[in-house]
N, C-alpha and C. Protein backbone atom coordinates (compact mmCIF):
# COMPACT_ATOMS: atom_id res chain seq x y z
N MET A 1 137.28 229.33 122.02
CA MET A 1 136.99 230.04 120.77
C MET A 1 137.96 229.58 119.69
N SER A 2 137.46 229.22 118.50
CA SER A 2 138.30 228.76 117.41
C SER A 2 139.14 229.90 116.86
N GLU A 3 140.30 229.51 116.33
CA GLU A 3 141.17 230.52 115.73
C GLU A 3 140.55 231.05 114.46
N CYS A 4 140.62 232.35 114.26
CA CYS A 4 140.08 233.01 113.07
C CYS A 4 141.21 233.71 112.35
N HIS A 5 141.16 233.70 111.03
CA HIS A 5 142.18 234.36 110.22
C HIS A 5 141.68 235.72 109.76
N VAL A 6 142.61 236.66 109.67
CA VAL A 6 142.28 237.99 109.17
C VAL A 6 143.42 238.47 108.28
N MET A 7 143.06 239.13 107.19
CA MET A 7 144.04 239.69 106.26
C MET A 7 144.31 241.15 106.65
N VAL A 8 145.57 241.55 106.60
CA VAL A 8 145.97 242.92 106.94
C VAL A 8 146.57 243.58 105.71
N ALA A 9 146.13 244.80 105.42
CA ALA A 9 146.67 245.57 104.30
C ALA A 9 147.12 246.94 104.81
N VAL A 10 148.37 247.29 104.55
CA VAL A 10 148.96 248.53 105.07
C VAL A 10 149.87 249.14 104.01
N GLU A 11 150.38 250.34 104.32
CA GLU A 11 151.25 251.01 103.36
C GLU A 11 152.73 250.84 103.64
N ASP A 12 153.11 250.29 104.81
CA ASP A 12 154.54 250.10 105.10
C ASP A 12 154.70 249.08 106.23
N PRO A 13 155.93 248.57 106.43
CA PRO A 13 156.16 247.55 107.46
C PRO A 13 155.84 248.00 108.88
N LEU A 14 156.09 249.28 109.18
CA LEU A 14 155.79 249.76 110.53
C LEU A 14 154.30 249.69 110.82
N SER A 15 153.49 250.08 109.85
CA SER A 15 152.04 249.99 110.03
C SER A 15 151.61 248.54 110.22
N ALA A 16 152.27 247.62 109.53
CA ALA A 16 151.96 246.20 109.69
C ALA A 16 152.24 245.76 111.13
N ALA A 17 153.38 246.19 111.67
CA ALA A 17 153.72 245.84 113.05
C ALA A 17 152.69 246.40 114.03
N VAL A 18 152.22 247.61 113.76
CA VAL A 18 151.24 248.25 114.63
C VAL A 18 149.93 247.48 114.62
N VAL A 19 149.43 247.13 113.43
CA VAL A 19 148.16 246.39 113.35
C VAL A 19 148.27 245.05 114.06
N CYS A 20 149.36 244.34 113.85
CA CYS A 20 149.54 243.04 114.51
C CYS A 20 149.58 243.19 116.02
N ARG A 21 150.22 244.25 116.50
CA ARG A 21 150.28 244.49 117.94
C ARG A 21 148.88 244.81 118.49
N LEU A 22 148.10 245.59 117.74
CA LEU A 22 146.76 245.93 118.19
C LEU A 22 145.85 244.72 118.21
N ILE A 23 146.04 243.82 117.25
CA ILE A 23 145.27 242.58 117.26
C ILE A 23 145.57 241.79 118.52
N ARG A 24 146.85 241.71 118.88
CA ARG A 24 147.22 241.03 120.13
C ARG A 24 146.62 241.74 121.34
N GLU A 25 146.62 243.06 121.30
CA GLU A 25 146.12 243.86 122.42
C GLU A 25 144.65 243.60 122.65
N VAL A 26 143.90 243.45 121.57
CA VAL A 26 142.47 243.20 121.69
C VAL A 26 142.20 241.85 122.36
N GLY A 27 143.07 240.88 122.11
CA GLY A 27 143.01 239.62 122.84
C GLY A 27 142.19 238.52 122.21
N CYS A 28 141.65 238.74 121.01
CA CYS A 28 140.93 237.67 120.35
C CYS A 28 141.91 236.67 119.74
N ASN A 29 141.44 235.45 119.55
CA ASN A 29 142.31 234.39 119.04
C ASN A 29 142.37 234.45 117.51
N PHE A 30 143.07 235.46 117.01
CA PHE A 30 143.17 235.69 115.58
C PHE A 30 144.59 235.41 115.09
N ALA A 31 144.67 234.90 113.87
CA ALA A 31 145.96 234.71 113.20
C ALA A 31 145.97 235.57 111.94
N VAL A 32 147.16 236.06 111.59
CA VAL A 32 147.32 236.88 110.38
C VAL A 32 148.17 236.08 109.41
N PRO A 33 147.54 235.31 108.51
CA PRO A 33 148.31 234.47 107.60
C PRO A 33 149.07 235.24 106.54
N ARG A 34 148.61 236.45 106.23
CA ARG A 34 149.26 237.23 105.19
C ARG A 34 149.08 238.71 105.45
N ILE A 35 150.14 239.47 105.20
CA ILE A 35 150.10 240.93 105.29
C ILE A 35 150.43 241.49 103.92
N PHE A 36 149.54 242.34 103.40
CA PHE A 36 149.81 243.01 102.14
C PHE A 36 150.44 244.36 102.44
N ASN A 37 151.73 244.50 102.13
CA ASN A 37 152.44 245.76 102.29
C ASN A 37 152.46 246.46 100.94
N ALA A 38 151.64 247.49 100.80
CA ALA A 38 151.47 248.16 99.51
C ALA A 38 152.69 248.97 99.09
N GLY A 39 153.52 249.35 100.06
CA GLY A 39 154.67 250.17 99.71
C GLY A 39 154.29 251.60 99.38
N GLY A 40 153.26 252.11 100.03
CA GLY A 40 152.83 253.48 99.81
C GLY A 40 151.32 253.60 99.81
N CYS A 41 150.84 254.80 100.12
CA CYS A 41 149.39 255.00 100.24
C CYS A 41 148.67 254.90 98.90
N ASN A 42 149.32 255.32 97.81
CA ASN A 42 148.66 255.27 96.51
C ASN A 42 148.35 253.85 96.08
N LYS A 43 149.30 252.94 96.29
CA LYS A 43 149.08 251.54 95.93
C LYS A 43 148.05 250.90 96.87
N LEU A 44 148.06 251.33 98.12
CA LEU A 44 147.06 250.82 99.06
C LEU A 44 145.67 251.27 98.61
N LYS A 45 145.57 252.52 98.24
CA LYS A 45 144.29 253.06 97.76
C LYS A 45 143.80 252.33 96.53
N SER A 46 144.70 252.04 95.60
CA SER A 46 144.31 251.37 94.36
C SER A 46 143.85 249.93 94.59
N GLY A 47 144.19 249.37 95.76
CA GLY A 47 143.79 248.01 96.07
C GLY A 47 142.47 247.90 96.81
N MET A 48 141.80 249.02 97.05
CA MET A 48 140.59 248.99 97.87
C MET A 48 139.50 248.10 97.29
N THR A 49 139.30 248.13 95.99
CA THR A 49 138.28 247.28 95.38
C THR A 49 138.60 245.81 95.60
N LYS A 50 139.88 245.46 95.43
CA LYS A 50 140.32 244.08 95.65
C LYS A 50 140.09 243.67 97.10
N PHE A 51 140.45 244.55 98.05
CA PHE A 51 140.27 244.22 99.46
C PHE A 51 138.79 244.05 99.79
N ARG A 52 137.98 244.95 99.22
CA ARG A 52 136.54 244.90 99.47
C ARG A 52 135.96 243.55 99.01
N ASN A 53 136.32 243.15 97.81
CA ASN A 53 135.79 241.90 97.27
C ASN A 53 136.32 240.69 98.04
N ALA A 54 137.60 240.74 98.40
CA ALA A 54 138.21 239.60 99.11
C ALA A 54 137.68 239.46 100.53
N SER A 55 137.16 240.55 101.10
CA SER A 55 136.67 240.49 102.48
C SER A 55 135.45 239.60 102.63
N PHE A 56 134.78 239.29 101.54
CA PHE A 56 133.63 238.39 101.62
C PHE A 56 134.09 236.96 101.89
N THR A 57 135.38 236.69 101.61
CA THR A 57 135.96 235.37 101.88
C THR A 57 136.74 235.35 103.18
N LEU A 58 137.51 236.43 103.42
CA LEU A 58 138.37 236.52 104.61
C LEU A 58 138.28 237.94 105.17
N PRO A 59 138.08 238.11 106.48
CA PRO A 59 138.02 239.46 107.04
C PRO A 59 139.30 240.24 106.73
N HIS A 60 139.13 241.53 106.43
CA HIS A 60 140.25 242.40 106.08
C HIS A 60 140.32 243.60 107.02
N ILE A 61 141.55 243.95 107.43
CA ILE A 61 141.81 245.18 108.17
C ILE A 61 142.76 246.02 107.34
N VAL A 62 142.35 247.24 107.04
CA VAL A 62 143.17 248.16 106.25
C VAL A 62 143.48 249.38 107.10
N LEU A 63 144.76 249.72 107.18
CA LEU A 63 145.19 250.90 107.94
C LEU A 63 145.99 251.82 107.03
N THR A 64 145.65 253.11 107.05
CA THR A 64 146.43 254.08 106.30
C THR A 64 146.63 255.33 107.16
N ASP A 65 147.52 256.21 106.71
CA ASP A 65 147.77 257.47 107.40
C ASP A 65 146.88 258.57 106.83
N LEU A 66 146.50 259.51 107.67
CA LEU A 66 145.75 260.68 107.20
C LEU A 66 146.62 261.55 106.31
N ASP A 67 147.88 261.71 106.69
CA ASP A 67 148.84 262.52 105.93
C ASP A 67 148.29 263.91 105.67
N ARG A 68 148.17 264.31 104.40
CA ARG A 68 147.81 265.69 104.07
C ARG A 68 146.32 265.92 103.83
N TYR A 69 145.53 264.88 104.05
CA TYR A 69 144.08 265.10 103.93
C TYR A 69 143.63 266.02 105.06
N PRO A 70 142.67 266.89 104.82
CA PRO A 70 142.25 267.84 105.86
C PRO A 70 141.57 267.18 107.05
N CYS A 71 140.91 266.02 106.81
CA CYS A 71 140.19 265.33 107.86
C CYS A 71 139.89 263.91 107.41
N PRO A 72 139.63 262.99 108.34
CA PRO A 72 139.32 261.62 107.95
C PRO A 72 138.15 261.48 106.97
N PRO A 73 137.03 262.22 107.13
CA PRO A 73 135.94 262.08 106.16
C PRO A 73 136.37 262.38 104.72
N ALA A 74 137.31 263.31 104.54
CA ALA A 74 137.78 263.62 103.19
C ALA A 74 138.52 262.44 102.59
N LEU A 75 139.34 261.78 103.40
CA LEU A 75 140.06 260.60 102.92
C LEU A 75 139.07 259.47 102.62
N LEU A 76 138.13 259.24 103.53
CA LEU A 76 137.16 258.17 103.33
C LEU A 76 136.38 258.37 102.03
N ALA A 77 136.00 259.60 101.75
CA ALA A 77 135.25 259.88 100.53
C ALA A 77 136.09 259.63 99.29
N GLU A 78 137.34 260.10 99.29
CA GLU A 78 138.19 259.93 98.11
C GLU A 78 138.56 258.47 97.89
N TRP A 79 138.69 257.72 98.98
CA TRP A 79 139.04 256.29 98.87
C TRP A 79 137.80 255.42 98.67
N GLU A 80 136.62 256.03 98.63
CA GLU A 80 135.36 255.30 98.51
C GLU A 80 135.23 254.24 99.60
N ALA A 81 135.51 254.69 100.82
CA ALA A 81 135.51 253.79 101.97
C ALA A 81 134.44 254.14 102.99
N THR A 82 133.40 254.84 102.54
CA THR A 82 132.35 255.25 103.48
C THR A 82 131.33 254.14 103.73
N ALA A 83 131.19 253.21 102.79
CA ALA A 83 130.27 252.08 102.96
C ALA A 83 131.02 250.80 102.62
N LEU A 84 131.40 250.05 103.64
CA LEU A 84 132.23 248.87 103.45
C LEU A 84 131.50 247.61 103.89
N PRO A 85 131.91 246.46 103.37
CA PRO A 85 131.31 245.19 103.83
C PRO A 85 131.54 244.99 105.32
N ALA A 86 130.70 244.17 105.93
CA ALA A 86 130.79 243.94 107.38
C ALA A 86 132.09 243.28 107.78
N ARG A 87 132.75 242.62 106.83
CA ARG A 87 133.99 241.91 107.15
C ARG A 87 135.23 242.71 106.74
N MET A 88 135.07 244.00 106.58
CA MET A 88 136.20 244.87 106.23
C MET A 88 136.25 246.05 107.20
N LEU A 89 137.40 246.21 107.85
CA LEU A 89 137.60 247.32 108.78
C LEU A 89 138.66 248.25 108.21
N PHE A 90 138.32 249.53 108.10
CA PHE A 90 139.23 250.53 107.54
C PHE A 90 139.47 251.59 108.61
N ARG A 91 140.75 251.80 108.96
CA ARG A 91 141.08 252.79 109.99
C ARG A 91 142.15 253.75 109.48
N ILE A 92 142.13 254.94 110.06
CA ILE A 92 143.04 256.01 109.66
C ILE A 92 143.83 256.47 110.88
N ALA A 93 145.15 256.48 110.75
CA ALA A 93 146.01 257.03 111.81
C ALA A 93 146.17 258.52 111.59
N VAL A 94 145.89 259.31 112.62
CA VAL A 94 146.01 260.77 112.55
C VAL A 94 147.28 261.21 113.26
N LYS A 95 148.17 261.96 112.54
CA LYS A 95 148.16 262.11 111.10
C LYS A 95 148.96 261.00 110.44
N GLU A 96 149.81 260.36 111.21
CA GLU A 96 150.58 259.22 110.73
C GLU A 96 150.66 258.20 111.86
N VAL A 97 150.97 256.96 111.52
CA VAL A 97 151.05 255.93 112.54
C VAL A 97 152.13 256.26 113.58
N GLU A 98 153.13 257.06 113.19
CA GLU A 98 154.15 257.48 114.14
C GLU A 98 153.57 258.28 115.30
N ALA A 99 152.45 258.98 115.06
CA ALA A 99 151.81 259.72 116.15
C ALA A 99 151.31 258.77 117.22
N TRP A 100 150.89 257.58 116.82
CA TRP A 100 150.43 256.58 117.80
C TRP A 100 151.59 256.11 118.66
N LEU A 101 152.79 256.03 118.07
CA LEU A 101 153.96 255.63 118.84
C LEU A 101 154.37 256.75 119.80
N LEU A 102 154.35 257.98 119.30
CA LEU A 102 154.71 259.13 120.13
C LEU A 102 153.74 259.32 121.29
N ALA A 103 152.53 258.80 121.13
CA ALA A 103 151.52 258.96 122.19
C ALA A 103 151.90 258.20 123.45
N ASP A 104 152.73 257.19 123.34
CA ASP A 104 153.33 256.57 124.53
C ASP A 104 154.57 257.37 124.86
N ARG A 105 154.39 258.49 125.51
CA ARG A 105 155.45 259.47 125.69
C ARG A 105 156.60 258.90 126.52
N ALA A 106 156.28 258.17 127.57
CA ALA A 106 157.34 257.60 128.41
C ALA A 106 158.11 256.53 127.65
N GLY A 107 157.38 255.66 126.97
CA GLY A 107 158.03 254.56 126.25
C GLY A 107 158.94 255.03 125.14
N ILE A 108 158.46 255.96 124.32
CA ILE A 108 159.27 256.42 123.18
C ILE A 108 160.44 257.25 123.67
N ALA A 109 160.27 257.99 124.76
CA ALA A 109 161.37 258.78 125.32
C ALA A 109 162.50 257.88 125.78
N ASP A 110 162.16 256.82 126.50
CA ASP A 110 163.18 255.88 126.96
C ASP A 110 163.83 255.16 125.79
N PHE A 111 163.03 254.78 124.82
CA PHE A 111 163.55 254.04 123.67
C PHE A 111 164.55 254.88 122.88
N LEU A 112 164.24 256.16 122.67
CA LEU A 112 165.10 257.04 121.87
C LEU A 112 166.21 257.68 122.70
N GLY A 113 166.08 257.62 124.02
CA GLY A 113 167.09 258.25 124.88
C GLY A 113 166.96 259.75 124.95
N VAL A 114 165.70 260.23 125.08
CA VAL A 114 165.45 261.67 125.21
C VAL A 114 164.64 261.92 126.47
N ALA A 115 164.62 263.15 126.93
CA ALA A 115 163.80 263.52 128.07
C ALA A 115 162.33 263.45 127.67
N ARG A 116 161.49 263.00 128.58
CA ARG A 116 160.07 262.85 128.26
C ARG A 116 159.43 264.16 127.85
N ASN A 117 159.90 265.27 128.44
CA ASN A 117 159.28 266.56 128.10
C ASN A 117 159.60 267.03 126.68
N LYS A 118 160.50 266.32 126.01
CA LYS A 118 160.79 266.65 124.61
C LYS A 118 159.77 266.03 123.65
N VAL A 119 159.04 265.03 124.13
CA VAL A 119 158.03 264.36 123.30
C VAL A 119 156.75 265.19 123.32
N PRO A 120 156.16 265.47 122.16
CA PRO A 120 154.97 266.32 122.13
C PRO A 120 153.82 265.76 122.94
N HIS A 121 153.09 266.65 123.62
CA HIS A 121 151.96 266.23 124.45
C HIS A 121 150.77 265.78 123.60
N ASP A 122 150.66 266.32 122.39
CA ASP A 122 149.53 265.98 121.51
C ASP A 122 150.08 265.68 120.12
N PRO A 123 150.63 264.48 119.92
CA PRO A 123 151.30 264.17 118.66
C PRO A 123 150.39 264.22 117.44
N GLU A 124 149.08 264.09 117.64
CA GLU A 124 148.17 264.15 116.50
C GLU A 124 148.10 265.53 115.87
N THR A 125 148.54 266.54 116.59
CA THR A 125 148.54 267.90 116.03
C THR A 125 149.86 268.23 115.34
N GLU A 126 150.83 267.33 115.44
CA GLU A 126 152.11 267.56 114.75
C GLU A 126 151.90 267.50 113.24
N ASP A 127 152.50 268.42 112.53
CA ASP A 127 152.35 268.46 111.08
C ASP A 127 152.95 267.23 110.42
N ASP A 128 154.07 266.72 110.98
CA ASP A 128 154.76 265.57 110.42
C ASP A 128 155.30 264.71 111.57
N PRO A 129 154.46 263.83 112.13
CA PRO A 129 154.91 263.01 113.27
C PRO A 129 156.15 262.18 112.97
N LYS A 130 156.29 261.68 111.75
CA LYS A 130 157.47 260.89 111.40
C LYS A 130 158.73 261.74 111.52
N ARG A 131 158.68 262.95 110.99
CA ARG A 131 159.83 263.85 111.08
C ARG A 131 160.11 264.20 112.53
N CYS A 132 159.06 264.40 113.32
CA CYS A 132 159.22 264.68 114.75
C CYS A 132 159.96 263.55 115.44
N LEU A 133 159.56 262.31 115.15
CA LEU A 133 160.20 261.15 115.77
C LEU A 133 161.66 261.05 115.36
N ILE A 134 161.94 261.27 114.08
CA ILE A 134 163.31 261.20 113.59
C ILE A 134 164.18 262.27 114.25
N ASN A 135 163.64 263.47 114.40
CA ASN A 135 164.41 264.54 115.04
C ASN A 135 164.67 264.24 116.52
N LEU A 136 163.71 263.61 117.18
CA LEU A 136 163.93 263.20 118.57
C LEU A 136 165.08 262.20 118.64
N ALA A 137 165.08 261.24 117.71
CA ALA A 137 166.16 260.24 117.69
C ALA A 137 167.51 260.91 117.47
N ARG A 138 167.58 261.86 116.55
CA ARG A 138 168.83 262.57 116.26
C ARG A 138 169.38 263.27 117.50
N ASN A 139 168.50 263.78 118.33
CA ASN A 139 168.92 264.53 119.51
C ASN A 139 169.01 263.67 120.77
N GLY A 140 168.78 262.37 120.61
CA GLY A 140 168.80 261.48 121.76
C GLY A 140 170.20 261.02 122.13
N ARG A 141 170.28 260.33 123.23
CA ARG A 141 171.56 259.85 123.74
C ARG A 141 172.05 258.59 123.02
N LYS A 142 171.16 257.89 122.34
CA LYS A 142 171.50 256.62 121.69
C LYS A 142 171.93 256.88 120.25
N LYS A 143 173.19 257.19 120.08
CA LYS A 143 173.69 257.63 118.79
C LYS A 143 173.63 256.55 117.72
N ARG A 144 173.88 255.31 118.11
CA ARG A 144 173.80 254.23 117.11
C ARG A 144 172.36 254.07 116.62
N LEU A 145 171.42 254.13 117.56
CA LEU A 145 170.01 254.03 117.19
C LEU A 145 169.62 255.20 116.29
N ALA A 146 170.13 256.38 116.59
CA ALA A 146 169.85 257.55 115.77
C ALA A 146 170.33 257.35 114.33
N MET A 147 171.50 256.75 114.17
CA MET A 147 172.03 256.49 112.83
C MET A 147 171.17 255.47 112.07
N GLU A 148 170.54 254.57 112.80
CA GLU A 148 169.70 253.56 112.17
C GLU A 148 168.33 254.11 111.80
N ILE A 149 167.83 255.07 112.59
CA ILE A 149 166.48 255.60 112.37
C ILE A 149 166.47 256.82 111.46
N ALA A 150 167.45 257.70 111.63
CA ALA A 150 167.47 258.96 110.88
C ALA A 150 168.32 258.83 109.62
N PRO A 151 167.93 259.49 108.52
CA PRO A 151 168.74 259.46 107.30
C PRO A 151 170.03 260.26 107.49
N GLU A 152 171.04 259.92 106.72
CA GLU A 152 172.29 260.67 106.79
C GLU A 152 172.06 262.10 106.29
N ALA A 153 172.88 263.02 106.79
CA ALA A 153 172.80 264.41 106.35
C ALA A 153 173.04 264.48 104.84
N GLY A 154 172.18 265.18 104.15
CA GLY A 154 172.31 265.32 102.71
C GLY A 154 171.67 264.20 101.91
N SER A 155 171.17 263.18 102.60
CA SER A 155 170.55 262.06 101.91
C SER A 155 169.14 262.44 101.45
N HIS A 156 168.71 261.84 100.34
CA HIS A 156 167.36 262.06 99.87
C HIS A 156 166.37 261.08 100.50
N ALA A 157 166.89 260.14 101.29
CA ALA A 157 166.02 259.17 101.96
C ALA A 157 165.18 259.86 103.03
N SER A 158 163.98 259.33 103.24
CA SER A 158 163.10 259.93 104.25
C SER A 158 163.37 259.38 105.64
N SER A 159 164.14 258.30 105.73
CA SER A 159 164.44 257.70 107.03
C SER A 159 165.73 256.90 106.93
N GLY A 160 166.22 256.44 108.08
CA GLY A 160 167.45 255.67 108.13
C GLY A 160 167.27 254.24 107.64
N PRO A 161 168.37 253.50 107.49
CA PRO A 161 168.33 252.17 106.90
C PRO A 161 167.56 251.12 107.70
N PHE A 162 167.44 251.33 109.02
CA PHE A 162 166.74 250.35 109.85
C PHE A 162 165.53 250.98 110.55
N TYR A 163 164.97 252.00 109.93
CA TYR A 163 163.85 252.73 110.53
C TYR A 163 162.69 251.80 110.87
N ASN A 164 162.20 251.08 109.88
CA ASN A 164 161.05 250.19 110.11
C ASN A 164 161.39 249.06 111.08
N GLN A 165 162.58 248.51 110.96
CA GLN A 165 162.97 247.39 111.81
C GLN A 165 163.05 247.79 113.27
N ARG A 166 163.73 248.90 113.55
CA ARG A 166 163.90 249.31 114.96
C ARG A 166 162.57 249.74 115.58
N LEU A 167 161.78 250.49 114.84
CA LEU A 167 160.51 250.95 115.40
C LEU A 167 159.50 249.81 115.50
N SER A 168 159.60 248.83 114.63
CA SER A 168 158.74 247.65 114.75
C SER A 168 159.10 246.88 116.01
N GLU A 169 160.40 246.85 116.36
CA GLU A 169 160.82 246.22 117.61
C GLU A 169 160.24 246.96 118.81
N PHE A 170 160.23 248.28 118.72
CA PHE A 170 159.62 249.09 119.78
C PHE A 170 158.14 248.75 119.92
N VAL A 171 157.45 248.70 118.80
CA VAL A 171 156.02 248.39 118.80
C VAL A 171 155.75 247.02 119.40
N ASP A 172 156.57 246.06 119.04
CA ASP A 172 156.34 244.67 119.44
C ASP A 172 156.59 244.42 120.93
N SER A 173 157.58 245.09 121.49
CA SER A 173 157.98 244.71 122.85
C SER A 173 157.96 245.83 123.89
N ILE A 174 157.86 247.09 123.47
CA ILE A 174 157.96 248.20 124.43
C ILE A 174 156.70 249.06 124.45
N TRP A 175 156.14 249.34 123.31
CA TRP A 175 155.02 250.27 123.16
C TRP A 175 153.88 249.94 124.12
N CYS A 176 153.50 250.91 124.94
CA CYS A 176 152.38 250.74 125.88
C CYS A 176 151.12 251.29 125.22
N VAL A 177 150.33 250.40 124.67
CA VAL A 177 149.11 250.81 123.96
C VAL A 177 148.12 251.46 124.92
N THR A 178 148.07 250.96 126.15
CA THR A 178 147.15 251.51 127.14
C THR A 178 147.42 252.98 127.40
N ASP A 179 148.70 253.35 127.53
CA ASP A 179 149.05 254.75 127.74
C ASP A 179 148.83 255.56 126.46
N ALA A 180 149.20 254.98 125.33
CA ALA A 180 149.12 255.72 124.06
C ALA A 180 147.69 256.08 123.70
N ARG A 181 146.75 255.21 123.96
CA ARG A 181 145.37 255.48 123.56
C ARG A 181 144.75 256.61 124.39
N LEU A 182 145.33 256.89 125.56
CA LEU A 182 144.85 258.01 126.37
C LEU A 182 145.24 259.35 125.76
N VAL A 183 146.26 259.35 124.92
CA VAL A 183 146.76 260.58 124.30
C VAL A 183 146.26 260.72 122.86
N SER A 184 146.18 259.60 122.15
CA SER A 184 145.80 259.62 120.74
C SER A 184 144.34 259.20 120.58
N HIS A 185 143.51 260.15 120.15
CA HIS A 185 142.09 259.85 119.97
C HIS A 185 141.85 258.88 118.83
N SER A 186 142.63 259.01 117.75
CA SER A 186 142.41 258.10 116.62
C SER A 186 142.84 256.68 116.97
N LEU A 187 143.85 256.52 117.80
CA LEU A 187 144.24 255.19 118.25
C LEU A 187 143.17 254.60 119.15
N ASP A 188 142.63 255.40 120.04
CA ASP A 188 141.58 254.91 120.93
C ASP A 188 140.36 254.45 120.13
N ARG A 189 139.97 255.24 119.13
CA ARG A 189 138.83 254.86 118.28
C ARG A 189 139.14 253.59 117.50
N ALA A 190 140.38 253.49 117.01
CA ALA A 190 140.77 252.31 116.25
C ALA A 190 140.68 251.05 117.11
N LEU A 191 141.11 251.14 118.34
CA LEU A 191 141.05 249.98 119.24
C LEU A 191 139.61 249.59 119.56
N LEU A 192 138.77 250.58 119.77
CA LEU A 192 137.36 250.29 120.05
C LEU A 192 136.70 249.60 118.86
N ARG A 193 136.95 250.13 117.66
CA ARG A 193 136.37 249.53 116.46
C ARG A 193 136.97 248.16 116.19
N LEU A 194 138.27 248.02 116.40
CA LEU A 194 138.93 246.74 116.17
C LEU A 194 138.38 245.67 117.10
N SER A 195 138.18 246.03 118.35
CA SER A 195 137.64 245.07 119.32
C SER A 195 136.27 244.58 118.89
N GLY A 196 135.38 245.50 118.53
CA GLY A 196 134.05 245.11 118.10
C GLY A 196 134.08 244.29 116.82
N PHE A 197 134.94 244.69 115.88
CA PHE A 197 135.06 244.00 114.60
C PHE A 197 135.51 242.56 114.80
N MET A 198 136.52 242.37 115.62
CA MET A 198 137.10 241.04 115.78
C MET A 198 136.19 240.12 116.59
N VAL A 199 135.48 240.66 117.55
CA VAL A 199 134.50 239.85 118.28
C VAL A 199 133.41 239.38 117.32
N ALA A 200 132.97 240.28 116.44
CA ALA A 200 131.94 239.91 115.47
C ALA A 200 132.43 238.83 114.52
N GLN A 201 133.67 238.94 114.05
CA GLN A 201 134.21 237.93 113.14
C GLN A 201 134.39 236.60 113.86
N ALA A 202 134.83 236.65 115.10
CA ALA A 202 135.00 235.42 115.87
C ALA A 202 133.66 234.73 116.10
N ASP A 203 132.63 235.52 116.36
CA ASP A 203 131.30 234.95 116.56
C ASP A 203 130.81 234.26 115.29
N LYS A 204 131.09 234.84 114.13
CA LYS A 204 130.68 234.23 112.87
C LYS A 204 131.41 232.91 112.65
N THR A 205 132.68 232.87 113.05
CA THR A 205 133.45 231.64 112.92
C THR A 205 132.89 230.55 113.82
N GLU A 206 132.48 230.93 115.04
CA GLU A 206 131.90 229.96 115.96
C GLU A 206 130.60 229.39 115.40
N VAL A 207 129.80 230.25 114.78
CA VAL A 207 128.53 229.80 114.22
C VAL A 207 128.77 228.80 113.10
N LYS A 208 129.78 229.07 112.24
CA LYS A 208 130.09 228.16 111.12
C LYS A 208 130.54 226.81 111.64
N ASN A 209 131.28 226.85 112.77
CA ASN A 209 131.80 225.58 113.31
C ASN A 209 130.72 224.81 114.07
């Protein structure tokens, strides 16, 4: 099967690491020549028209967090993402991509140095999965890692100085997607849709060749 290129658009570096890992997990021979890191959901949302138009040239995968939307259909409607081109895949992490990481309960517990029973059984129901993960790190045995992931006391920052870097390392080399998808329904759906999407794009590439 010939190598196929796909464009990835996300709201932060951690989400980029997650999408790239999921592409590898699916197992298709895809390369990601460019990742658009919007630096926030609002900028990602404002780029939807551009991504939609560009997908006619290059397949696009867009991932965002549900955050404070009441449900995925509400976000899809507001982002005008209910009817997309065949070469554009749009997925939503419930409620944040951090919930997908927490869904690998054994992996994240070992990584942060906490007891597995401290990790929520259903991270998608957590009001703020990112805050949950940061609090786990603060209470873990790995104090240096905690300082890198969690913001200093009194800081206005939402995370520590190496938050994205350390968690991207977790995603790349430790995160067990197979275990996580059993806990996170939105991750499981994302993988199923991603697999079908990428097989379809690969088939189109084979036909062109």
